[in-house]
Amino acid sequence: MKVKPLTDRVLVKIQESETKSAGGIIIPQTAQEKTQTGLVIAVGTDKDVIKVKEGDKVMYDKYAGAQIKIDGAEHLIVKMSDILAIIE
């Protein structure tokens, strides 16, 4: 399935959280905090507002966007204003 965001929206693939700590301890799913980083998959059509591009790794607001599943992977459609930073 292909999803193309409109206007100032950005499609972000949610990055999976770590399942092991730095010391090698396995963290159970129930104790893992929801990740707030992801990879930009597609951007909307409002080029004056959009400041990210496809392939950028970004950090977004914890309660942002609409969650959807595309080909079995979790994605979010967020407003550009909900993206907090580009991670380099």
Protein backbone atom coordinates (compact mmCIF):
# COMPACT_ATOMS: atom_id res chain seq x y z
CA MET A 1 0.00 0.00 0.00
CA LYS A 2 1.28 3.49 -0.86
CA VAL A 3 0.42 6.48 1.32
CA LYS A 4 1.10 10.05 0.19
CA PRO A 5 0.62 12.69 2.91
CA LEU A 6 -1.08 15.96 2.00
CA THR A 7 -0.23 19.63 2.75
CA ASP A 8 1.98 19.95 5.87
CA ARG A 9 1.86 16.27 6.87
CA VAL A 10 4.80 13.85 7.04
CA LEU A 11 4.72 10.03 6.96
CA VAL A 12 7.15 8.62 9.54
CA LYS A 13 8.07 4.95 10.03
CA ILE A 14 8.29 4.35 13.76
CA GLN A 15 11.69 3.14 14.92
CA GLU A 16 11.54 0.03 17.08
CA SER A 17 12.71 0.45 20.68
CA GLU A 18 15.67 -1.44 22.05
CA THR A 19 14.90 -4.86 23.53
CA LYS A 20 18.21 -5.13 25.43
CA SER A 21 19.90 -2.73 27.80
CA ALA A 22 23.54 -1.71 27.41
CA GLY A 23 24.43 -4.39 29.98
CA GLY A 24 22.65 -7.11 27.99
CA ILE A 25 19.50 -7.33 30.10
CA ILE A 26 16.40 -8.14 28.03
CA ILE A 27 13.67 -5.52 28.53
CA PRO A 28 10.14 -6.97 28.40
CA GLN A 29 7.65 -5.42 25.95
CA THR A 30 5.49 -4.11 28.81
CA ALA A 31 8.41 -2.14 30.30
CA GLN A 32 9.54 -0.56 27.04
CA GLU A 33 8.71 3.10 26.59
CA LYS A 34 7.11 4.17 23.31
CA THR A 35 9.81 5.40 20.96
CA GLN A 36 9.64 8.95 19.64
CA THR A 37 12.02 8.65 16.72
CA GLY A 38 11.46 7.48 13.21
CA LEU A 39 12.43 7.66 9.57
CA VAL A 40 10.70 10.04 7.14
CA ILE A 41 9.12 7.96 4.37
CA ALA A 42 7.14 10.64 2.50
CA VAL A 43 6.38 14.35 2.81
CA GLY A 44 3.33 16.45 1.96
CA THR A 45 2.88 18.93 -0.85
CA ASP A 46 3.40 22.20 1.08
CA LYS A 47 7.09 22.76 0.31
CA ASP A 48 7.14 26.15 2.12
CA VAL A 49 6.30 24.51 5.47
CA ILE A 50 8.03 21.11 5.15
CA LYS A 51 11.61 21.28 6.53
CA VAL A 52 12.46 17.56 6.34
CA LYS A 53 13.08 15.23 3.41
CA GLU A 54 12.65 11.54 2.76
CA GLY A 55 15.30 9.51 4.57
CA ASP A 56 15.76 11.96 7.50
CA LYS A 57 15.73 10.46 11.00
CA VAL A 58 13.49 12.63 13.17
CA MET A 59 12.24 13.01 16.73
CA TYR A 60 8.53 13.79 17.09
CA ASP A 61 6.11 14.82 19.85
CA LYS A 62 5.06 11.91 22.08
CA TYR A 63 1.31 12.26 21.42
CA ALA A 64 1.52 13.35 17.79
CA GLY A 65 -0.14 12.03 14.69
CA ALA A 66 -2.38 9.27 13.48
CA GLN A 67 -0.92 5.76 13.72
CA ILE A 68 -1.36 3.44 10.74
CA LYS A 69 0.04 0.07 9.74
CA ILE A 70 1.59 -0.21 6.26
CA ASP A 71 2.80 -3.63 5.09
CA GLY A 72 2.98 -4.82 8.71
CA ALA A 73 5.11 -1.89 9.98
CA GLU A 74 3.89 0.87 12.29
CA HIS A 75 3.84 4.40 10.81
CA LEU A 76 2.60 7.82 11.88
CA ILE A 77 1.21 10.68 9.85
CA VAL A 78 2.21 13.84 11.74
CA LYS A 79 2.05 17.57 11.15
CA MET A 80 5.35 19.24 10.39
CA SER A 81 4.96 21.26 13.61
CA ASP A 82 4.94 17.98 15.63
CA ILE A 83 8.46 17.14 14.43
CA LEU A 84 10.87 18.39 17.07
CA ALA A 85 14.28 17.69 15.54
CA ILE A 86 16.29 16.03 12.79
CA ILE A 87 18.73 13.48 14.21
CA GLU A 88 22.10 13.39 12.47
